């Protein structure tokens, strides 16, 4: 005999799973920003940002956080997604993670993914390139 109650619960779980997959895809596809039509933007020289630190970089009135880690250079959006919209250049950095100075949320600098709360919106990340001792932001 078919248990319709169980069948309905299973179909609800499938719909929830499909919705979660769709949202994950949307976030992933919007997270990695690189436009091949725009020339790379010169940030500065490699030596301008100390290892283990972050600097704010503004381009066309948009802020970006430029990180210099042991594993290389990384860039994220300039402000946290929290209510305070805190500058990520003021965040605490530990290895490849940042902690927002305002809300305390922790994110991966490399992927932008939230570490301490899966419900948070990931940070946007951007490609950084190095050439002849200079660093460039690729939008």
C-alpha atoms as a PDB file:
ATOM      1  CA  UNK A   1       0.000   0.000   0.000  1.00  0.00           C
ATOM      2  CA  UNK A   2       1.283   3.495  -0.893  1.00  0.00           C
ATOM      3  CA  UNK A   3       1.818   5.841   2.001  1.00  0.00           C
ATOM      4  CA  UNK A   4       0.728   9.170   0.498  1.00  0.00           C
ATOM      5  CA  UNK A   5       1.822  11.167   3.524  1.00  0.00           C
ATOM      6  CA  UNK A   6       5.377   9.855   3.104  1.00  0.00           C
ATOM      7  CA  UNK A   7       5.246  10.475  -0.648  1.00  0.00           C
ATOM      8  CA  UNK A   8       4.210  14.105  -0.085  1.00  0.00           C
ATOM      9  CA  UNK A   9       7.010  14.623   2.444  1.00  0.00           C
ATOM     10  CA  UNK A  10       9.536  13.171  -0.017  1.00  0.00           C
ATOM     11  CA  UNK A  11       8.288  15.438  -2.823  1.00  0.00           C
ATOM     12  CA  UNK A  12       8.559  18.462  -0.503  1.00  0.00           C
ATOM     13  CA  UNK A  13      12.147  17.488   0.316  1.00  0.00           C
ATOM     14  CA  UNK A  14      12.948  17.132  -3.394  1.00  0.00           C
ATOM     15  CA  UNK A  15      11.485  20.578  -4.112  1.00  0.00           C
ATOM     16  CA  UNK A  16      13.502  22.080  -1.259  1.00  0.00           C
ATOM     17  CA  UNK A  17      16.650  20.382  -2.566  1.00  0.00           C
ATOM     18  CA  UNK A  18      16.023  21.613  -6.131  1.00  0.00           C
ATOM     19  CA  UNK A  19      15.404  25.152  -4.867  1.00  0.00           C
ATOM     20  CA  UNK A  20      18.610  25.025  -2.831  1.00  0.00           C
ATOM     21  CA  UNK A  21      20.542  23.805  -5.889  1.00  0.00           C
ATOM     22  CA  UNK A  22      19.100  26.600  -8.022  1.00  0.00           C
ATOM     23  CA  UNK A  23      19.969  29.246  -5.414  1.00  0.00           C
ATOM     24  CA  UNK A  24      23.479  27.794  -5.055  1.00  0.00           C
ATOM     25  CA  UNK A  25      23.951  27.958  -8.823  1.00  0.00           C
ATOM     26  CA  UNK A  26      22.730  31.572  -8.927  1.00  0.00           C
ATOM     27  CA  UNK A  27      25.080  32.590  -6.121  1.00  0.00           C
ATOM     28  CA  UNK A  28      28.006  30.733  -7.691  1.00  0.00           C
ATOM     29  CA  UNK A  29      27.442  32.230 -11.142  1.00  0.00           C
ATOM     30  CA  UNK A  30      27.162  35.738  -9.699  1.00  0.00           C
ATOM     31  CA  UNK A  31      30.059  35.329  -7.290  1.00  0.00           C
ATOM     32  CA  UNK A  32      32.949  35.087  -9.737  1.00  0.00           C
ATOM     33  CA  UNK A  33      33.199  38.405 -11.523  1.00  0.00           C
ATOM     34  CA  UNK A  34      35.622  38.762 -14.379  1.00  0.00           C
ATOM     35  CA  UNK A  35      34.866  40.746 -17.488  1.00  0.00           C
ATOM     36  CA  UNK A  36      37.200  40.065 -20.399  1.00  0.00           C
ATOM     37  CA  UNK A  37      36.138  43.319 -22.118  1.00  0.00           C
ATOM     38  CA  UNK A  38      37.619  45.607 -19.427  1.00  0.00           C
ATOM     39  CA  UNK A  39      41.373  46.037 -19.165  1.00  0.00           C
ATOM     40  CA  UNK A  40      42.877  44.989 -15.819  1.00  0.00           C
ATOM     41  CA  UNK A  41      42.982  47.868 -13.331  1.00  0.00           C
ATOM     42  CA  UNK A  42      46.385  48.678 -11.859  1.00  0.00           C
ATOM     43  CA  UNK A  43      46.213  48.485  -8.053  1.00  0.00           C
ATOM     44  CA  UNK A  44      49.859  49.087  -7.250  1.00  0.00           C
ATOM     45  CA  UNK A  45      53.095  47.242  -6.757  1.00  0.00           C
ATOM     46  CA  UNK A  46      53.407  43.883  -5.017  1.00  0.00           C
ATOM     47  CA  UNK A  47      55.410  45.487  -2.192  1.00  0.00           C
ATOM     48  CA  UNK A  48      52.666  48.074  -1.495  1.00  0.00           C
ATOM     49  CA  UNK A  49      50.591  45.590   0.539  1.00  0.00           C
ATOM     50  CA  UNK A  50      52.296  43.691   3.356  1.00  0.00           C
ATOM     51  CA  UNK A  51      51.705  39.948   3.601  1.00  0.00           C
ATOM     52  CA  UNK A  52      48.922  39.128   6.029  1.00  0.00           C
ATOM     53  CA  UNK A  53      47.171  42.463   5.495  1.00  0.00           C
ATOM     54  CA  UNK A  54      44.326  44.006   3.548  1.00  0.00           C
ATOM     55  CA  UNK A  55      43.937  47.386   1.867  1.00  0.00           C
ATOM     56  CA  UNK A  56      40.884  49.187   0.555  1.00  0.00           C
ATOM     57  CA  UNK A  57      40.998  49.990  -3.163  1.00  0.00           C
ATOM     58  CA  UNK A  58      38.441  52.274  -4.795  1.00  0.00           C
ATOM     59  CA  UNK A  59      37.707  52.241  -8.499  1.00  0.00           C
ATOM     60  CA  UNK A  60      34.885  54.243 -10.080  1.00  0.00           C
ATOM     61  CA  UNK A  61      33.342  54.882  -6.652  1.00  0.00           C
ATOM     62  CA  UNK A  62      33.239  51.151  -5.794  1.00  0.00           C
ATOM     63  CA  UNK A  63      35.316  49.768  -2.918  1.00  0.00           C
ATOM     64  CA  UNK A  64      37.276  46.521  -3.115  1.00  0.00           C
ATOM     65  CA  UNK A  65      39.258  44.753  -0.382  1.00  0.00           C
ATOM     66  CA  UNK A  66      42.687  43.645  -1.628  1.00  0.00           C
ATOM     67  CA  UNK A  67      44.280  40.918   0.498  1.00  0.00           C
ATOM     68  CA  UNK A  68      47.936  39.851   0.452  1.00  0.00           C
ATOM     69  CA  UNK A  69      48.122  36.388   1.980  1.00  0.00           C
ATOM     70  CA  UNK A  70      50.903  33.809   2.135  1.00  0.00           C
ATOM     71  CA  UNK A  71      49.166  32.075  -0.800  1.00  0.00           C
ATOM     72  CA  UNK A  72      48.985  35.241  -2.939  1.00  0.00           C
ATOM     73  CA  UNK A  73      46.719  38.199  -3.659  1.00  0.00           C
ATOM     74  CA  UNK A  74      42.926  38.066  -3.422  1.00  0.00           C
ATOM     75  CA  UNK A  75      40.113  40.585  -3.861  1.00  0.00           C
ATOM     76  CA  UNK A  76      36.587  40.731  -2.490  1.00  0.00           C
ATOM     77  CA  UNK A  77      33.851  43.308  -2.402  1.00  0.00           C
ATOM     78  CA  UNK A  78      34.864  46.248  -0.233  1.00  0.00           C
ATOM     79  CA  UNK A  79      32.060  46.110   2.333  1.00  0.00           C
ATOM     80  CA  UNK A  80      30.550  43.355   4.447  1.00  0.00           C
ATOM     81  CA  UNK A  81      26.981  42.275   3.687  1.00  0.00           C
ATOM     82  CA  UNK A  82      26.012  43.105   7.281  1.00  0.00           C
ATOM     83  CA  UNK A  83      23.707  45.934   8.293  1.00  0.00           C
ATOM     84  CA  UNK A  84      26.675  48.201   9.110  1.00  0.00           C
ATOM     85  CA  UNK A  85      28.262  47.687   5.660  1.00  0.00           C
ATOM     86  CA  UNK A  86      31.655  47.726   7.389  1.00  0.00           C
ATOM     87  CA  UNK A  87      34.800  48.098   5.295  1.00  0.00           C
ATOM     88  CA  UNK A  88      36.400  44.673   4.891  1.00  0.00           C
ATOM     89  CA  UNK A  89      39.765  46.426   4.917  1.00  0.00           C
ATOM     90  CA  UNK A  90      39.125  46.888   8.665  1.00  0.00           C
ATOM     91  CA  UNK A  91      38.480  43.182   9.228  1.00  0.00           C
ATOM     92  CA  UNK A  92      40.645  40.828  11.254  1.00  0.00           C
ATOM     93  CA  UNK A  93      42.596  38.370   9.107  1.00  0.00           C
ATOM     94  CA  UNK A  94      43.692  34.927  10.201  1.00  0.00           C
ATOM     95  CA  UNK A  95      45.293  32.751   7.521  1.00  0.00           C
ATOM     96  CA  UNK A  96      42.727  32.728   4.658  1.00  0.00           C
ATOM     97  CA  UNK A  97      39.740  33.925   6.676  1.00  0.00           C
ATOM     98  CA  UNK A  98      38.445  37.354   7.590  1.00  0.00           C
ATOM     99  CA  UNK A  99      36.242  38.409  10.486  1.00  0.00           C
ATOM    100  CA  UNK A 100      34.087  41.492   9.947  1.00  0.00           C
ATOM    101  CA  UNK A 101      34.970  44.160  12.502  1.00  0.00           C
ATOM    102  CA  UNK A 102      31.300  45.133  12.875  1.00  0.00           C
ATOM    103  CA  UNK A 103      29.251  41.917  12.864  1.00  0.00           C
ATOM    104  CA  UNK A 104      31.882  39.270  13.633  1.00  0.00           C
ATOM    105  CA  UNK A 105      30.883  37.052  10.701  1.00  0.00           C
ATOM    106  CA  UNK A 106      33.727  34.986   9.273  1.00  0.00           C
ATOM    107  CA  UNK A 107      34.301  34.470   5.540  1.00  0.00           C
ATOM    108  CA  UNK A 108      36.820  32.668   3.370  1.00  0.00           C
ATOM    109  CA  UNK A 109      38.965  35.259   1.602  1.00  0.00           C
ATOM    110  CA  UNK A 110      39.694  32.797  -1.207  1.00  0.00           C
ATOM    111  CA  UNK A 111      36.131  31.681  -2.018  1.00  0.00           C
ATOM    112  CA  UNK A 112      33.997  34.358  -0.323  1.00  0.00           C
ATOM    113  CA  UNK A 113      31.989  31.631   1.407  1.00  0.00           C
ATOM    114  CA  UNK A 114      30.660  32.246   4.924  1.00  0.00           C
ATOM    115  CA  UNK A 115      32.414  30.094   7.541  1.00  0.00           C
ATOM    116  CA  UNK A 116      30.381  30.510  10.721  1.00  0.00           C
ATOM    117  CA  UNK A 117      26.872  30.745   9.235  1.00  0.00           C
ATOM    118  CA  UNK A 118      25.801  28.953   6.034  1.00  0.00           C
ATOM    119  CA  UNK A 119      22.735  31.201   5.786  1.00  0.00           C
ATOM    120  CA  UNK A 120      24.858  34.293   5.015  1.00  0.00           C
ATOM    121  CA  UNK A 121      25.273  35.622   1.500  1.00  0.00           C
ATOM    122  CA  UNK A 122      28.800  34.902   0.225  1.00  0.00           C
ATOM    123  CA  UNK A 123      31.150  37.767  -0.546  1.00  0.00           C
ATOM    124  CA  UNK A 124      31.819  38.622  -4.170  1.00  0.00           C
ATOM    125  CA  UNK A 125      35.339  37.747  -5.174  1.00  0.00           C
ATOM    126  CA  UNK A 126      37.409  39.100  -8.034  1.00  0.00           C
ATOM    127  CA  UNK A 127      40.420  37.897  -9.941  1.00  0.00           C
ATOM    128  CA  UNK A 128      43.818  39.446  -9.196  1.00  0.00           C
ATOM    129  CA  UNK A 129      46.791  39.123 -11.507  1.00  0.00           C
ATOM    130  CA  UNK A 130      50.483  39.906 -11.019  1.00  0.00           C
ATOM    131  CA  UNK A 131      52.790  41.062 -13.769  1.00  0.00           C
ATOM    132  CA  UNK A 132      56.296  42.528 -13.539  1.00  0.00           C
ATOM    133  CA  UNK A 133      55.943  43.342  -9.839  1.00  0.00           C
ATOM    134  CA  UNK A 134      52.531  45.011 -10.277  1.00  0.00           C
ATOM    135  CA  UNK A 135      49.096  43.792  -9.172  1.00  0.00           C
ATOM    136  CA  UNK A 136      45.926  44.210 -11.201  1.00  0.00           C
ATOM    137  CA  UNK A 137      42.228  43.862 -10.448  1.00  0.00           C
ATOM    138  CA  UNK A 138      40.293  42.042 -13.160  1.00  0.00           C
ATOM    139  CA  UNK A 139      36.640  43.035 -13.176  1.00  0.00           C
END
